[in-house]
Amino acid sequence: MKNPNLKQMVSLVLSLILVTGLAACGQPSADGEDPLSESEPVELVVFAAASMTETLTEIGEMYKQVAPHVTLTFNFDSSGTLKTQIEEGAACDIFISAAQKQMNELDGSKGSDINPKGLDFVEQGTRIDLLQNTVALAVPEGNPKNVTDFDDMAEKLEKGEILLAMGNEDVPVGQYTQKVLAFYGLDEEALAKAGCITYGSNVKEVTTQVDQASVDCGVIYGTDAYSAGLTTVDVATKEMCGQIIYPAAVLNISEHKEEAAAFLEYLQSDECMAVFTKVGFAPVE
């Protein structure tokens, strides 16, 4: 014969376990963190150099599996344009520049020689050198003017035989190109007036000019040449334009610094580095 008292007791115990479990779910963990907080939706706005468009878009899809509660919104443009937008009050959690110059000009820990406006947007302790790239000399399909390397480019520019595409002076790839021209003792202003140089507001615009064969060659990043399927005939040395470093940092204006730092850490993982190196980026040596 079944015992009704035993049945009631088991039912009571199960009810107590359920109530206790539900109460525990709403309590902070031992370290004070709310276990449900990490599932609260968060939007991170990432300002990144245009040359990172393909790689970060791919990584953004990967990150959905790592942190499904985080939505990544990317703003890709020249580092100079992005720096200006941040300075003028744009919402941004992470900044990744294609050169140290633009990051330095937002870093309050830097002196007036490299941060003349005394801007203070970088969250101290978060800045890293994320990647390095190469400065490449790319040519259109078929290489109609048979530009063989930087030496040949310089010689043909001086003779007025080719049209070169480069970035504007406020764009990192343009600044690197200016160093290359100075290395060869070429007068950029004179070449531009002679119709031997055309400009782009970011590296993607320069890449497009080469891809569409509207110029005879262009100075872009190795990663952009790879992504666009362009032929690279030469790569600039450190002596010609220095090392191409991409710094990254969480900004102190971010309302989600913890999540931003977590994504920045993820970008340094082997998984992400595999995406970066696939197109020609490399870890900083």
C-alpha atoms as a PDB file:
ATOM      1  CA  MET A   1       0.000   0.000   0.000  1.00  0.00           C
ATOM      2  CA  LYS A   2       1.340   3.423  -0.946  1.00  0.00           C
ATOM      3  CA  ASN A   3       2.207   5.885   1.819  1.00  0.00           C
ATOM      4  CA  PRO A   4       0.505   9.275   1.134  1.00  0.00           C
ATOM      5  CA  ASN A   5       2.696  10.994   3.723  1.00  0.00           C
ATOM      6  CA  LEU A   6       5.857   9.910   1.887  1.00  0.00           C
ATOM      7  CA  LYS A   7       4.473  11.254  -1.390  1.00  0.00           C
ATOM      8  CA  GLN A   8       3.716  14.612   0.213  1.00  0.00           C
ATOM      9  CA  MET A   9       7.202  14.776   1.756  1.00  0.00           C
ATOM     10  CA  VAL A  10       8.940  14.111  -1.600  1.00  0.00           C
ATOM     11  CA  SER A  11       6.799  16.787  -3.246  1.00  0.00           C
ATOM     12  CA  LEU A  12       7.715  19.269  -0.509  1.00  0.00           C
ATOM     13  CA  VAL A  13      11.462  18.549  -0.872  1.00  0.00           C
ATOM     14  CA  LEU A  14      11.347  19.015  -4.664  1.00  0.00           C
ATOM     15  CA  SER A  15       9.531  22.307  -4.234  1.00  0.00           C
ATOM     16  CA  LEU A  16      12.151  23.542  -1.760  1.00  0.00           C
ATOM     17  CA  ILE A  17      14.971  22.578  -4.144  1.00  0.00           C
ATOM     18  CA  LEU A  18      13.310  24.464  -7.017  1.00  0.00           C
ATOM     19  CA  VAL A  19      12.738  27.598  -4.931  1.00  0.00           C
ATOM     20  CA  THR A  20      16.316  27.506  -3.595  1.00  0.00           C
ATOM     21  CA  GLY A  21      17.705  27.089  -7.115  1.00  0.00           C
ATOM     22  CA  LEU A  22      15.725  29.994  -8.499  1.00  0.00           C
ATOM     23  CA  ALA A  23      16.790  32.228  -5.612  1.00  0.00           C
ATOM     24  CA  ALA A  24      20.443  31.316  -6.187  1.00  0.00           C
ATOM     25  CA  CYS A  25      20.185  32.324  -9.865  1.00  0.00           C
ATOM     26  CA  GLY A  26      19.341  35.858  -8.864  1.00  0.00           C
ATOM     27  CA  GLN A  27      22.140  36.230  -6.333  1.00  0.00           C
ATOM     28  CA  PRO A  28      25.584  37.673  -7.056  1.00  0.00           C
ATOM     29  CA  SER A  29      28.447  35.187  -7.235  1.00  0.00           C
ATOM     30  CA  ALA A  30      31.194  35.076  -4.617  1.00  0.00           C
ATOM     31  CA  ASP A  31      33.208  37.700  -6.500  1.00  0.00           C
ATOM     32  CA  GLY A  32      30.238  40.069  -6.535  1.00  0.00           C
ATOM     33  CA  GLU A  33      29.426  39.548 -10.230  1.00  0.00           C
ATOM     34  CA  ASP A  34      25.830  38.999 -11.287  1.00  0.00           C
ATOM     35  CA  PRO A  35      25.863  35.694 -13.204  1.00  0.00           C
ATOM     36  CA  LEU A  36      23.184  37.004 -15.554  1.00  0.00           C
ATOM     37  CA  SER A  37      24.983  40.275 -16.305  1.00  0.00           C
ATOM     38  CA  GLU A  38      27.267  38.827 -18.949  1.00  0.00           C
ATOM     39  CA  SER A  39      24.231  37.920 -21.045  1.00  0.00           C
ATOM     40  CA  GLU A  40      22.924  41.474 -21.094  1.00  0.00           C
ATOM     41  CA  PRO A  41      23.148  42.893 -24.647  1.00  0.00           C
ATOM     42  CA  VAL A  42      26.045  45.247 -25.296  1.00  0.00           C
ATOM     43  CA  GLU A  43      26.977  47.208 -28.431  1.00  0.00           C
ATOM     44  CA  LEU A  44      30.652  47.945 -29.020  1.00  0.00           C
ATOM     45  CA  VAL A  45      31.586  50.594 -31.580  1.00  0.00           C
ATOM     46  CA  VAL A  46      34.965  49.896 -33.149  1.00  0.00           C
ATOM     47  CA  PHE A  47      36.737  52.556 -35.223  1.00  0.00           C
ATOM     48  CA  ALA A  48      39.337  50.829 -37.386  1.00  0.00           C
ATOM     49  CA  ALA A  49      41.644  51.647 -40.281  1.00  0.00           C
ATOM     50  CA  ALA A  50      40.080  50.960 -43.678  1.00  0.00           C
ATOM     51  CA  SER A  51      42.769  48.369 -44.400  1.00  0.00           C
ATOM     52  CA  MET A  52      41.203  46.144 -41.723  1.00  0.00           C
ATOM     53  CA  THR A  53      37.761  46.005 -43.335  1.00  0.00           C
ATOM     54  CA  GLU A  54      37.900  42.419 -44.569  1.00  0.00           C
ATOM     55  CA  THR A  55      39.674  40.889 -41.587  1.00  0.00           C
ATOM     56  CA  LEU A  56      37.641  42.582 -38.851  1.00  0.00           C
ATOM     57  CA  THR A  57      34.384  41.835 -40.647  1.00  0.00           C
ATOM     58  CA  GLU A  58      35.325  38.146 -40.623  1.00  0.00           C
ATOM     59  CA  ILE A  59      36.434  38.291 -36.990  1.00  0.00           C
ATOM     60  CA  GLY A  60      33.198  40.064 -36.089  1.00  0.00           C
ATOM     61  CA  GLU A  61      31.255  37.043 -37.325  1.00  0.00           C
ATOM     62  CA  MET A  62      33.521  34.736 -35.312  1.00  0.00           C
ATOM     63  CA  TYR A  63      32.987  36.789 -32.161  1.00  0.00           C
ATOM     64  CA  LYS A  64      29.248  36.115 -32.249  1.00  0.00           C
ATOM     65  CA  GLN A  65      30.056  32.588 -31.137  1.00  0.00           C
ATOM     66  CA  VAL A  66      32.405  33.787 -28.389  1.00  0.00           C
ATOM     67  CA  ALA A  67      30.200  36.546 -26.957  1.00  0.00           C
ATOM     68  CA  PRO A  68      26.698  36.305 -28.435  1.00  0.00           C
ATOM     69  CA  HIS A  69      25.468  39.143 -26.208  1.00  0.00           C
ATOM     70  CA  VAL A  70      27.924  41.598 -27.822  1.00  0.00           C
ATOM     71  CA  THR A  71      27.038  43.409 -31.055  1.00  0.00           C
ATOM     72  CA  LEU A  72      30.029  44.836 -32.902  1.00  0.00           C
ATOM     73  CA  THR A  73      29.501  47.965 -34.998  1.00  0.00           C
ATOM     74  CA  PHE A  74      32.473  48.852 -37.183  1.00  0.00           C
ATOM     75  CA  ASN A  75      33.392  52.223 -38.644  1.00  0.00           C
ATOM     76  CA  PHE A  76      36.128  51.825 -41.268  1.00  0.00           C
ATOM     77  CA  ASP A  77      37.937  54.832 -42.727  1.00  0.00           C
ATOM     78  CA  SER A  78      41.340  56.476 -42.829  1.00  0.00           C
ATOM     79  CA  SER A  79      42.930  56.715 -39.383  1.00  0.00           C
ATOM     80  CA  GLY A  80      43.086  60.505 -39.695  1.00  0.00           C
ATOM     81  CA  THR A  81      39.357  60.757 -40.388  1.00  0.00           C
ATOM     82  CA  LEU A  82      38.545  58.401 -37.509  1.00  0.00           C
ATOM     83  CA  LYS A  83      40.772  60.357 -35.131  1.00  0.00           C
ATOM     84  CA  THR A  84      38.970  63.576 -36.079  1.00  0.00           C
ATOM     85  CA  GLN A  85      35.563  61.959 -35.540  1.00  0.00           C
ATOM     86  CA  ILE A  86      36.613  60.815 -32.062  1.00  0.00           C
ATOM     87  CA  GLU A  87      37.981  64.264 -31.270  1.00  0.00           C
ATOM     88  CA  GLU A  88      34.666  65.809 -32.335  1.00  0.00           C
ATOM     89  CA  GLY A  89      32.644  63.620 -29.987  1.00  0.00           C
ATOM     90  CA  ALA A  90      31.715  60.484 -31.918  1.00  0.00           C
ATOM     91  CA  ALA A  91      30.772  57.474 -29.784  1.00  0.00           C
ATOM     92  CA  CYS A  92      33.580  54.930 -29.888  1.00  0.00           C
ATOM     93  CA  ASP A  93      34.745  52.101 -27.626  1.00  0.00           C
ATOM     94  CA  ILE A  94      37.882  50.883 -29.430  1.00  0.00           C
ATOM     95  CA  PHE A  95      40.217  52.644 -31.849  1.00  0.00           C
ATOM     96  CA  ILE A  96      42.611  50.754 -34.140  1.00  0.00           C
ATOM     97  CA  SER A  97      44.885  52.994 -36.179  1.00  0.00           C
ATOM     98  CA  ALA A  98      47.114  52.163 -39.128  1.00  0.00           C
ATOM     99  CA  ALA A  99      49.883  54.305 -37.627  1.00  0.00           C
ATOM    100  CA  GLN A 100      51.136  55.466 -34.254  1.00  0.00           C
ATOM    101  CA  LYS A 101      50.657  59.141 -35.141  1.00  0.00           C
ATOM    102  CA  GLN A 102      46.860  59.194 -34.918  1.00  0.00           C
ATOM    103  CA  MET A 103      46.817  57.145 -31.717  1.00  0.00           C
ATOM    104  CA  ASN A 104      49.501  59.332 -30.139  1.00  0.00           C
ATOM    105  CA  GLU A 105      47.398  62.414 -30.865  1.00  0.00           C
ATOM    106  CA  LEU A 106      44.591  60.938 -28.736  1.00  0.00           C
ATOM    107  CA  ASP A 107      46.836  59.657 -25.934  1.00  0.00           C
ATOM    108  CA  GLY A 108      46.903  61.921 -22.878  1.00  0.00           C
ATOM    109  CA  SER A 109      50.114  60.308 -21.630  1.00  0.00           C
ATOM    110  CA  LYS A 110      52.058  61.683 -24.609  1.00  0.00           C
ATOM    111  CA  GLY A 111      53.892  64.972 -24.597  1.00  0.00           C
ATOM    112  CA  SER A 112      52.985  68.084 -26.557  1.00  0.00           C
ATOM    113  CA  ASP A 113      55.556  67.239 -29.227  1.00  0.00           C
ATOM    114  CA  ILE A 114      53.414  64.338 -30.483  1.00  0.00           C
ATOM    115  CA  ASN A 115      50.069  65.252 -28.895  1.00  0.00           C
ATOM    116  CA  PRO A 116      49.992  69.016 -29.532  1.00  0.00           C
ATOM    117  CA  LYS A 117      46.318  69.461 -28.603  1.00  0.00           C
ATOM    118  CA  GLY A 118      46.711  67.535 -25.353  1.00  0.00           C
ATOM    119  CA  LEU A 119      43.809  65.254 -26.254  1.00  0.00           C
ATOM    120  CA  ASP A 120      42.994  62.547 -23.721  1.00  0.00           C
ATOM    121  CA  PHE A 121      40.885  59.697 -25.117  1.00  0.00           C
ATOM    122  CA  VAL A 122      42.993  56.577 -24.593  1.00  0.00           C
ATOM    123  CA  GLU A 123      42.168  54.451 -21.547  1.00  0.00           C
ATOM    124  CA  GLN A 124      45.589  54.078 -19.977  1.00  0.00           C
ATOM    125  CA  GLY A 125      46.822  50.517 -19.630  1.00  0.00           C
ATOM    126  CA  THR A 126      44.863  49.233 -22.630  1.00  0.00           C
ATOM    127  CA  ARG A 127      46.999  50.454 -25.538  1.00  0.00           C
ATOM    128  CA  ILE A 128      48.812  47.718 -27.467  1.00  0.00           C
ATOM    129  CA  ASP A 129      50.681  47.313 -30.735  1.00  0.00           C
ATOM    130  CA  LEU A 130      48.325  44.843 -32.392  1.00  0.00           C
ATOM    131  CA  LEU A 131      49.736  44.179 -35.855  1.00  0.00           C
ATOM    132  CA  GLN A 132      52.258  45.164 -38.457  1.00  0.00           C
ATOM    133  CA  ASN A 133      51.708  45.537 -42.189  1.00  0.00           C
ATOM    134  CA  THR A 134      53.780  46.228 -45.287  1.00  0.00           C
ATOM    135  CA  VAL A 135      53.777  49.113 -47.748  1.00  0.00           C
ATOM    136  CA  ALA A 136      53.446  47.649 -51.211  1.00  0.00           C
ATOM    137  CA  LEU A 137      53.814  48.902 -54.768  1.00  0.00           C
ATOM    138  CA  ALA A 138      50.856  47.477 -56.666  1.00  0.00           C
ATOM    139  CA  VAL A 139      50.113  47.545 -60.387  1.00  0.00           C
ATOM    140  CA  PRO A 140      46.988  47.003 -62.514  1.00  0.00           C
ATOM    141  CA  GLU A 141      46.368  43.742 -64.310  1.00  0.00           C
ATOM    142  CA  GLY A 142      48.994  43.213 -67.005  1.00  0.00           C
ATOM    143  CA  ASN A 143      51.226  45.977 -65.596  1.00  0.00           C
ATOM    144  CA  PRO A 144      50.945  48.112 -68.789  1.00  0.00           C
ATOM    145  CA  LYS A 145      53.864  50.429 -67.913  1.00  0.00           C
ATOM    146  CA  ASN A 146      56.034  47.535 -66.720  1.00  0.00           C
ATOM    147  CA  VAL A 147      56.779  49.072 -63.318  1.00  0.00           C
ATOM    148  CA  THR A 148      59.177  46.555 -61.778  1.00  0.00           C
ATOM    149  CA  ASP A 149      59.965  47.927 -58.297  1.00  0.00           C
ATOM    150  CA  PHE A 150      60.258  51.112 -56.241  1.00  0.00           C
ATOM    151  CA  ASP A 151      63.536  52.060 -57.929  1.00  0.00           C
ATOM    152  CA  ASP A 152      61.855  51.810 -61.328  1.00  0.00           C
ATOM    153  CA  MET A 153      58.813  53.720 -60.046  1.00  0.00           C
ATOM    154  CA  ALA A 154      61.032  56.583 -58.878  1.00  0.00           C
ATOM    155  CA  GLU A 155      62.891  56.737 -62.173  1.00  0.00           C
ATOM    156  CA  LYS A 156      59.722  56.736 -64.272  1.00  0.00           C
ATOM    157  CA  LEU A 157      58.047  59.319 -62.008  1.00  0.00           C
ATOM    158  CA  GLU A 158      61.004  61.641 -62.395  1.00  0.00           C
ATOM    159  CA  LYS A 159      60.739  61.295 -66.182  1.00  0.00           C
ATOM    160  CA  GLY A 160      56.982  61.884 -66.089  1.00  0.00           C
ATOM    161  CA  GLU A 161      56.276  58.508 -67.651  1.00  0.00           C
ATOM    162  CA  ILE A 162      53.750  57.134 -65.157  1.00  0.00           C
ATOM    163  CA  LEU A 163      50.788  58.126 -62.998  1.00  0.00           C
ATOM    164  CA  LEU A 164      51.051  57.115 -59.323  1.00  0.00           C
ATOM    165  CA  ALA A 165      48.143  56.797 -56.877  1.00  0.00           C
ATOM    166  CA  MET A 166      48.821  57.528 -53.194  1.00  0.00           C
ATOM    167  CA  GLY A 167      46.915  58.499 -50.053  1.00  0.00           C
ATOM    168  CA  ASN A 168      46.333  62.067 -48.926  1.00  0.00           C
ATOM    169  CA  GLU A 169      48.830  63.583 -46.506  1.00  0.00           C
ATOM    170  CA  ASP A 170      46.506  63.032 -43.510  1.00  0.00           C
ATOM    171  CA  VAL A 171      46.162  59.314 -44.290  1.00  0.00           C
ATOM    172  CA  PRO A 172      48.772  56.889 -42.891  1.00  0.00           C
ATOM    173  CA  VAL A 173      49.346  55.166 -46.225  1.00  0.00           C
ATOM    174  CA  GLY A 174      49.864  58.607 -47.763  1.00  0.00           C
ATOM    175  CA  GLN A 175      52.327  59.531 -45.028  1.00  0.00           C
ATOM    176  CA  TYR A 176      54.253  56.316 -45.636  1.00  0.00           C
ATOM    177  CA  THR A 177      54.295  57.095 -49.370  1.00  0.00           C
ATOM    178  CA  GLN A 178      55.641  60.576 -48.670  1.00  0.00           C
ATOM    179  CA  LYS A 179      58.545  58.934 -46.830  1.00  0.00           C
ATOM    180  CA  VAL A 180      59.187  56.687 -49.825  1.00  0.00           C
ATOM    181  CA  LEU A 181      59.217  59.675 -52.176  1.00  0.00           C
ATOM    182  CA  ALA A 182      61.562  61.555 -49.827  1.00  0.00           C
ATOM    183  CA  PHE A 183      63.811  58.477 -49.699  1.00  0.00           C
ATOM    184  CA  TYR A 184      64.286  58.836 -53.462  1.00  0.00           C
ATOM    185  CA  GLY A 185      64.643  62.613 -53.275  1.00  0.00           C
ATOM    186  CA  LEU A 186      61.458  63.195 -55.252  1.00  0.00           C
ATOM    187  CA  ASP A 187      59.440  66.419 -54.983  1.00  0.00           C
ATOM    188  CA  GLU A 188      55.841  65.338 -54.345  1.00  0.00           C
ATOM    189  CA  GLU A 189      54.365  68.793 -54.929  1.00  0.00           C
ATOM    190  CA  ALA A 190      56.149  69.191 -58.256  1.00  0.00           C
ATOM    191  CA  LEU A 191      55.113  65.704 -59.371  1.00  0.00           C
ATOM    192  CA  ALA A 192      51.483  66.390 -58.437  1.00  0.00           C
ATOM    193  CA  LYS A 193      51.497  69.675 -60.394  1.00  0.00           C
ATOM    194  CA  ALA A 194      52.968  67.842 -63.362  1.00  0.00           C
ATOM    195  CA  GLY A 195      50.053  65.400 -63.290  1.00  0.00           C
ATOM    196  CA  CYS A 196      52.117  62.422 -62.200  1.00  0.00           C
ATOM    197  CA  ILE A 197      50.348  61.813 -58.871  1.00  0.00           C
ATOM    198  CA  THR A 198      46.696  61.309 -57.986  1.00  0.00           C
ATOM    199  CA  TYR A 199      45.293  60.942 -54.461  1.00  0.00           C
ATOM    200  CA  GLY A 200      42.804  58.914 -52.422  1.00  0.00           C
ATOM    201  CA  SER A 201      41.166  59.803 -49.111  1.00  0.00           C
ATOM    202  CA  ASN A 202      41.946  56.341 -47.727  1.00  0.00           C
ATOM    203  CA  VAL A 203      43.792  53.211 -48.785  1.00  0.00           C
ATOM    204  CA  LYS A 204      40.659  51.646 -50.287  1.00  0.00           C
ATOM    205  CA  GLU A 205      40.297  54.557 -52.727  1.00  0.00           C
ATOM    206  CA  VAL A 206      43.931  54.174 -53.790  1.00  0.00           C
ATOM    207  CA  THR A 207      43.441  50.433 -54.179  1.00  0.00           C
ATOM    208  CA  THR A 208      40.380  51.001 -56.374  1.00  0.00           C
ATOM    209  CA  GLN A 209      42.318  53.335 -58.679  1.00  0.00           C
ATOM    210  CA  VAL A 210      44.925  50.634 -59.223  1.00  0.00           C
ATOM    211  CA  ASP A 211      42.327  47.896 -59.614  1.00  0.00           C
ATOM    212  CA  GLN A 212      40.444  49.916 -62.237  1.00  0.00           C
ATOM    213  CA  ALA A 213      43.709  50.695 -64.076  1.00  0.00           C
ATOM    214  CA  SER A 214      43.070  54.437 -63.879  1.00  0.00           C
ATOM    215  CA  VAL A 215      46.702  54.751 -62.724  1.00  0.00           C
ATOM    216  CA  ASP A 216      49.911  52.930 -63.621  1.00  0.00           C
ATOM    217  CA  CYS A 217      50.757  51.958 -60.036  1.00  0.00           C
ATOM    218  CA  GLY A 218      49.824  52.736 -56.472  1.00  0.00           C
ATOM    219  CA  VAL A 219      51.315  52.596 -52.996  1.00  0.00           C
ATOM    220  CA  ILE A 220      48.993  50.653 -50.708  1.00  0.00           C
ATOM    221  CA  TYR A 221      49.270  48.104 -47.913  1.00  0.00           C
ATOM    222  CA  GLY A 222      50.245  44.549 -48.699  1.00  0.00           C
ATOM    223  CA  THR A 223      47.014  43.359 -47.097  1.00  0.00           C
ATOM    224  CA  ASP A 224      44.893  45.519 -49.425  1.00  0.00           C
ATOM    225  CA  ALA A 225      46.778  44.279 -52.463  1.00  0.00           C
ATOM    226  CA  TYR A 226      46.055  40.720 -51.328  1.00  0.00           C
ATOM    227  CA  SER A 227      42.364  41.362 -50.641  1.00  0.00           C
ATOM    228  CA  ALA A 228      41.898  43.088 -54.014  1.00  0.00           C
ATOM    229  CA  GLY A 229      43.837  40.427 -55.916  1.00  0.00           C
ATOM    230  CA  LEU A 230      46.390  42.955 -57.173  1.00  0.00           C
ATOM    231  CA  THR A 231      49.942  42.217 -58.204  1.00  0.00           C
ATOM    232  CA  THR A 232      52.607  43.515 -55.814  1.00  0.00           C
ATOM    233  CA  VAL A 233      55.888  44.245 -57.549  1.00  0.00           C
ATOM    234  CA  ASP A 234      57.815  45.481 -54.507  1.00  0.00           C
ATOM    235  CA  VAL A 235      57.602  46.028 -50.750  1.00  0.00           C
ATOM    236  CA  ALA A 236      59.126  49.050 -49.020  1.00  0.00           C
ATOM    237  CA  THR A 237      61.915  48.485 -46.503  1.00  0.00           C
ATOM    238  CA  LYS A 238      62.084  49.967 -43.011  1.00  0.00           C
ATOM    239  CA  GLU A 239      64.766  52.341 -44.298  1.00  0.00           C
ATOM    240  CA  MET A 240      62.313  53.691 -46.836  1.00  0.00           C
ATOM    241  CA  CYS A 241      59.289  54.358 -44.632  1.00  0.00           C
ATOM    242  CA  GLY A 242      59.759  52.815 -41.191  1.00  0.00           C
ATOM    243  CA  GLN A 243      57.824  49.986 -39.559  1.00  0.00           C
ATOM    244  CA  ILE A 244      54.074  49.841 -40.231  1.00  0.00           C
ATOM    245  CA  ILE A 245      52.515  49.335 -36.799  1.00  0.00           C
ATOM    246  CA  TYR A 246      48.791  49.211 -35.977  1.00  0.00           C
ATOM    247  CA  PRO A 247      48.165  50.337 -32.370  1.00  0.00           C
ATOM    248  CA  ALA A 248      44.844  49.599 -30.675  1.00  0.00           C
ATOM    249  CA  ALA A 249      43.274  50.860 -27.457  1.00  0.00           C
ATOM    250  CA  VAL A 250      40.060  51.076 -25.488  1.00  0.00           C
ATOM    251  CA  LEU A 251      38.887  54.682 -25.259  1.00  0.00           C
ATOM    252  CA  ASN A 252      38.121  56.286 -21.906  1.00  0.00           C
ATOM    253  CA  ILE A 253      34.803  57.568 -23.301  1.00  0.00           C
ATOM    254  CA  SER A 254      33.559  53.987 -23.626  1.00  0.00           C
ATOM    255  CA  GLU A 255      30.576  52.976 -21.508  1.00  0.00           C
ATOM    256  CA  HIS A 256      31.552  49.319 -21.860  1.00  0.00           C
ATOM    257  CA  LYS A 257      35.246  49.257 -21.024  1.00  0.00           C
ATOM    258  CA  GLU A 258      35.238  45.707 -19.676  1.00  0.00           C
ATOM    259  CA  GLU A 259      33.619  44.287 -22.817  1.00  0.00           C
ATOM    260  CA  ALA A 260      35.859  46.440 -25.015  1.00  0.00           C
ATOM    261  CA  ALA A 261      38.970  45.143 -23.243  1.00  0.00           C
ATOM    262  CA  ALA A 262      37.710  41.579 -23.684  1.00  0.00           C
ATOM    263  CA  PHE A 263      37.321  42.074 -27.451  1.00  0.00           C
ATOM    264  CA  LEU A 264      40.770  43.669 -27.675  1.00  0.00           C
ATOM    265  CA  GLU A 265      42.182  40.613 -25.905  1.00  0.00           C
ATOM    266  CA  TYR A 266      40.316  38.342 -28.330  1.00  0.00           C
ATOM    267  CA  LEU A 267      41.949  40.144 -31.269  1.00  0.00           C
ATOM    268  CA  GLN A 268      45.318  38.959 -29.945  1.00  0.00           C
ATOM    269  CA  SER A 269      44.265  35.310 -29.856  1.00  0.00           C
ATOM    270  CA  ASP A 270      45.720  32.642 -32.154  1.00  0.00           C
ATOM    271  CA  GLU A 271      42.294  32.322 -33.775  1.00  0.00           C
ATOM    272  CA  CYS A 272      42.260  35.975 -34.820  1.00  0.00           C
ATOM    273  CA  MET A 273      45.942  36.075 -35.741  1.00  0.00           C
ATOM    274  CA  ALA A 274      45.243  33.285 -38.224  1.00  0.00           C
ATOM    275  CA  VAL A 275      42.717  35.570 -39.945  1.00  0.00           C
ATOM    276  CA  PHE A 276      45.120  38.520 -39.914  1.00  0.00           C
ATOM    277  CA  THR A 277      48.167  36.618 -41.181  1.00  0.00           C
ATOM    278  CA  LYS A 278      46.148  35.005 -43.954  1.00  0.00           C
ATOM    279  CA  VAL A 279      45.957  38.355 -45.760  1.00  0.00           C
ATOM    280  CA  GLY A 280      49.467  39.568 -44.927  1.00  0.00           C
ATOM    281  CA  PHE A 281      49.321  41.131 -41.471  1.00  0.00           C
ATOM    282  CA  ALA A 282      51.872  39.905 -38.953  1.00  0.00           C
ATOM    283  CA  PRO A 283      52.328  40.009 -35.188  1.00  0.00           C
ATOM    284  CA  VAL A 284      54.532  42.901 -34.057  1.00  0.00           C
ATOM    285  CA  GLU A 285      58.148  41.819 -33.667  1.00  0.00           C
END
